[in-house]
Every structure is written in C-alpha cells, then in structure tokens.
Amino acid sequence: MSVGSPLVYRPSFAQRAMAVLLFAGSWLVGVRALAQIFERLPVLRASMKVAEAAGDPTWSFWVALVAAVGAVVAGGLLLMATLLGLLLVEGSQVLVDELGLAVEHNALPAPLARKLGAGRLLWKRITCLERSGPFFVVKGGGEPGHPGPVDPTLRFLMVDQLERLVMTILERSPNLKHED
C-alpha cells in the first residue's frame, strides 16, 4: 500500500439499504402512531368534560393524557435516534494508510462527529480495540511516557470487510493490548 492511496472501508450497499429501510419504517410507524394519538385527543377531551359535568373523578383521563404526551416524547427521541443511526451508517468511513487509522462521519457536523468518534490515530498510538454496544471502538494512548494531547477515541458502527479491517489494525498497532 502506498502513502498516496489509503484503503477506505465503508458500509456495503446492503448494510446501507438496511439502515434506510429501518429508518423509513420506524418513521412511518412513528408518524402513524402520532396521528392516532392526535386523532383521539378530542374524544378524550369530550369524555373529560362529560365526566366533569357528571361530577365523576377525572384523574384517569389526566393519566391517559400524560401517558399520551409521554409516548409522543419517547417516540420522538427514538425517531431522532434512528435518524442519527442512519447518518452514522450512511456517512461513515474508515481510512487506513501507512501512518494510521482515521474515522470520518461525513454526514454529521464536525463537533458532533468528533463527539461520536471521528478522528485520527497513528498506528503506534492505538492501545485498545473493543466492541461497545453497537460501536467498534479504537482507543489511543500509545507510547508510554509520551506526554502530549489526549488521543481521540474512534468509533464506527459497521463497515464492509470488517474482519480485514480488524486484522489490519491488529497487525499494524505495536502497542495494542490483547485482552481476552
């Protein structure tokens, strides 16, 4: 491999298509559920007015209303998580060259991308390769006794030819700790 031509690992077409299908399906289901909740709110309000007029307690209606609002908020957060997952799958790539490893999240703004694991590590600075939740994590901190800036923690969701990427990291990182 020459210095001018890094290896680029990206999710395969099938992996990206699956992420798009999950995203689209969850949004369709979420929008449909939200529409049903808003459709039922006038009925709930009318039932509450009838109960108030009859002198019956309305606390069960309030519980139902709070549960509906809670479901909308939780559903909104989950839908935003699916959007973030789609952007991480669609815009991520791992670059491998003679100097080290770089993870890019091109579909995200730079500060958010760095927070979610974008960055670059030299081979001699890589100390740990692990799986944490849905992410593959590459941690830095290489050469012992070398003061300097804190190394980033690189994260990526999935790439095509993952085994080849992991073997390349294991072969080229002299300070990688092998833990069982």
Protein backbone atom coordinates (compact mmCIF):
# COMPACT_ATOMS: atom_id res chain seq x y z
CA MET A 1 0.00 0.00 0.00
CA SER A 2 1.42 3.38 -0.93
CA VAL A 3 1.15 6.55 1.11
CA GLY A 4 -0.98 8.20 -1.57
CA SER A 5 -3.71 5.57 -1.68
CA PRO A 6 -5.37 4.77 1.64
CA LEU A 7 -7.73 1.83 1.99
CA VAL A 8 -11.30 3.02 2.51
CA TYR A 9 -13.78 0.89 4.45
CA ARG A 10 -17.45 1.85 4.16
CA PRO A 11 -20.69 0.03 4.89
CA SER A 12 -21.76 -2.15 1.99
CA PHE A 13 -24.77 -1.35 -0.17
CA ALA A 14 -26.82 -4.00 1.67
CA GLN A 15 -25.88 -2.56 5.09
CA ARG A 16 -26.76 0.97 3.99
CA ALA A 17 -30.03 -0.21 2.42
CA MET A 18 -30.99 -1.98 5.67
CA ALA A 19 -30.31 1.22 7.63
CA VAL A 20 -32.51 3.20 5.22
CA LEU A 21 -35.31 0.63 5.49
CA LEU A 22 -35.16 0.65 9.31
CA PHE A 23 -35.18 4.43 9.32
CA ALA A 24 -38.08 4.74 6.87
CA GLY A 25 -40.12 2.03 8.58
CA SER A 26 -39.69 3.48 12.06
CA TRP A 27 -40.62 6.95 10.83
CA LEU A 28 -43.75 5.65 9.08
CA VAL A 29 -44.83 3.78 12.20
CA GLY A 30 -44.00 6.77 14.42
CA VAL A 31 -45.92 9.25 12.29
CA ARG A 32 -48.91 6.90 12.14
CA ALA A 33 -48.91 6.47 15.93
CA LEU A 34 -48.63 10.23 16.44
CA ALA A 35 -51.57 10.78 14.08
CA GLN A 36 -53.66 8.26 16.03
CA ILE A 37 -52.86 9.96 19.33
CA PHE A 38 -53.84 13.37 17.95
CA GLU A 39 -56.95 11.83 16.43
CA ARG A 40 -58.06 10.54 19.86
CA LEU A 41 -57.34 13.72 21.83
CA PRO A 42 -60.72 15.39 21.00
CA VAL A 43 -62.53 12.22 22.16
CA LEU A 44 -60.52 12.25 25.40
CA ARG A 45 -61.29 15.94 25.93
CA ALA A 46 -65.03 15.38 25.33
CA SER A 47 -65.03 12.42 27.74
CA MET A 48 -63.29 14.57 30.34
CA LYS A 49 -65.94 17.33 30.01
CA VAL A 50 -68.75 14.78 30.33
CA ALA A 51 -67.13 13.33 33.46
CA GLU A 52 -66.69 16.81 34.96
CA ALA A 53 -70.33 17.66 34.24
CA ALA A 54 -71.48 14.41 35.87
CA GLY A 55 -69.26 15.04 38.89
CA ASP A 56 -67.13 11.91 38.29
CA PRO A 57 -63.38 12.00 39.02
CA THR A 58 -61.23 12.86 36.00
CA TRP A 59 -57.85 11.67 37.23
CA SER A 60 -57.89 8.61 34.93
CA PHE A 61 -58.36 10.93 31.93
CA TRP A 62 -55.41 13.02 33.09
CA VAL A 63 -53.29 9.88 33.44
CA ALA A 64 -54.23 8.90 29.89
CA LEU A 65 -53.33 12.39 28.64
CA VAL A 66 -49.96 12.40 30.40
CA ALA A 67 -49.25 8.88 29.09
CA ALA A 68 -50.06 10.03 25.55
CA VAL A 69 -47.72 13.02 25.84
CA GLY A 70 -45.01 10.77 27.32
CA ALA A 71 -45.43 8.32 24.44
CA VAL A 72 -45.08 11.16 21.92
CA VAL A 73 -41.89 12.43 23.60
CA ALA A 74 -40.36 8.94 23.88
CA GLY A 75 -41.31 8.16 20.30
CA GLY A 76 -39.75 11.42 19.13
CA LEU A 77 -36.49 10.59 20.89
CA LEU A 78 -36.43 7.12 19.33
CA LEU A 79 -37.12 8.58 15.90
CA MET A 80 -34.23 11.01 16.32
CA ALA A 81 -32.03 8.06 17.33
CA THR A 82 -32.94 6.26 14.09
CA LEU A 83 -32.01 9.40 12.14
CA LEU A 84 -28.65 9.55 13.92
CA GLY A 85 -28.10 5.85 13.21
CA LEU A 86 -28.85 6.35 9.53
CA LEU A 87 -26.44 9.28 9.34
CA LEU A 88 -23.74 7.27 11.11
CA VAL A 89 -24.13 4.33 8.73
CA GLU A 90 -24.53 6.37 5.56
CA GLY A 91 -21.79 8.93 6.18
CA SER A 92 -19.11 6.88 7.95
CA GLN A 93 -15.87 5.62 6.51
CA VAL A 94 -12.66 4.26 7.95
CA LEU A 95 -9.42 5.21 6.20
CA VAL A 96 -6.29 3.09 6.63
CA ASP A 97 -2.92 4.35 5.40
CA GLU A 98 0.77 3.92 6.25
CA LEU A 99 0.58 6.39 9.14
CA GLY A 100 -2.54 5.26 10.91
CA LEU A 101 -6.27 4.98 11.06
CA ALA A 102 -8.90 7.68 10.53
CA VAL A 103 -12.65 7.52 11.11
CA GLU A 104 -14.85 10.08 9.36
CA HIS A 105 -18.53 10.78 9.87
CA ASN A 106 -19.14 12.99 6.84
CA ALA A 107 -22.91 13.31 7.24
CA LEU A 108 -22.65 14.93 10.69
CA PRO A 109 -21.48 18.41 11.74
CA ALA A 110 -17.81 18.37 12.82
CA PRO A 111 -18.33 18.86 16.61
CA LEU A 112 -20.97 16.11 16.75
CA ALA A 113 -18.83 13.85 14.55
CA ARG A 114 -15.86 14.25 16.91
CA LYS A 115 -18.07 13.52 19.91
CA LEU A 116 -19.36 10.35 18.21
CA GLY A 117 -15.89 9.04 17.38
CA ALA A 118 -14.44 10.75 14.33
CA GLY A 119 -10.72 11.42 14.36
CA ARG A 120 -7.30 10.04 13.53
CA LEU A 121 -4.84 7.83 15.40
CA LEU A 122 -1.32 6.84 14.43
CA TRP A 123 -0.58 3.12 14.49
CA LYS A 124 1.82 3.47 17.43
CA ARG A 125 -0.81 5.35 19.46
CA ILE A 126 -3.52 2.64 19.23
CA THR A 127 -3.80 0.73 22.51
CA CYS A 128 -7.23 -0.88 22.55
CA LEU A 129 -9.73 -2.34 20.10
CA GLU A 130 -13.09 -3.37 21.54
CA ARG A 131 -16.81 -3.58 20.92
CA SER A 132 -19.01 -1.28 22.99
CA GLY A 133 -22.73 -1.57 22.32
CA PRO A 134 -23.33 -1.14 18.60
CA PHE A 135 -19.95 0.57 18.07
CA PHE A 136 -16.50 -0.75 17.36
CA VAL A 137 -14.12 1.35 19.47
CA VAL A 138 -10.42 2.07 18.85
CA LYS A 139 -8.73 3.84 21.77
CA GLY A 140 -5.47 5.73 21.76
CA GLY A 141 -2.84 6.41 24.37
CA GLY A 142 0.09 4.62 22.74
CA GLU A 143 3.69 5.26 23.54
CA PRO A 144 4.28 5.01 27.29
CA GLY A 145 5.80 8.11 28.83
CA HIS A 146 4.90 10.31 25.88
CA PRO A 147 3.19 13.47 27.16
CA GLY A 148 1.00 15.33 24.74
CA PRO A 149 -2.57 15.90 23.70
CA VAL A 150 -5.17 13.32 24.61
CA ASP A 151 -5.79 10.85 21.81
CA PRO A 152 -9.31 10.59 20.44
CA THR A 153 -11.47 7.53 20.85
CA LEU A 154 -12.52 6.39 17.40
CA ARG A 155 -15.95 4.77 16.91
CA PHE A 156 -17.70 3.32 13.89
CA LEU A 157 -20.89 1.28 13.51
CA MET A 158 -20.25 -1.10 10.65
CA VAL A 159 -18.11 -1.48 7.58
CA ASP A 160 -17.88 -3.98 4.77
CA GLN A 161 -14.95 -6.41 5.20
CA LEU A 162 -14.83 -5.84 8.96
CA GLU A 163 -12.59 -8.88 9.53
CA ARG A 164 -9.98 -7.47 7.15
CA LEU A 165 -10.06 -4.10 8.93
CA VAL A 166 -9.66 -5.70 12.37
CA MET A 167 -6.77 -7.86 11.15
CA THR A 168 -5.07 -4.78 9.68
CA ILE A 169 -5.42 -2.93 13.00
CA LEU A 170 -4.07 -5.93 14.92
CA GLU A 171 -1.09 -6.33 12.57
CA ARG A 172 -0.03 -2.69 12.41
CA SER A 173 -0.54 -1.49 16.00
CA PRO A 174 2.59 -2.25 18.06
CA ASN A 175 1.11 -1.01 21.36
CA LEU A 176 -2.24 -2.79 21.08
CA LYS A 177 -3.09 -4.73 24.21
CA HIS A 178 -4.55 -8.18 23.59
CA GLU A 179 -7.18 -8.87 26.23
CA ASP A 180 -9.39 -11.96 26.42
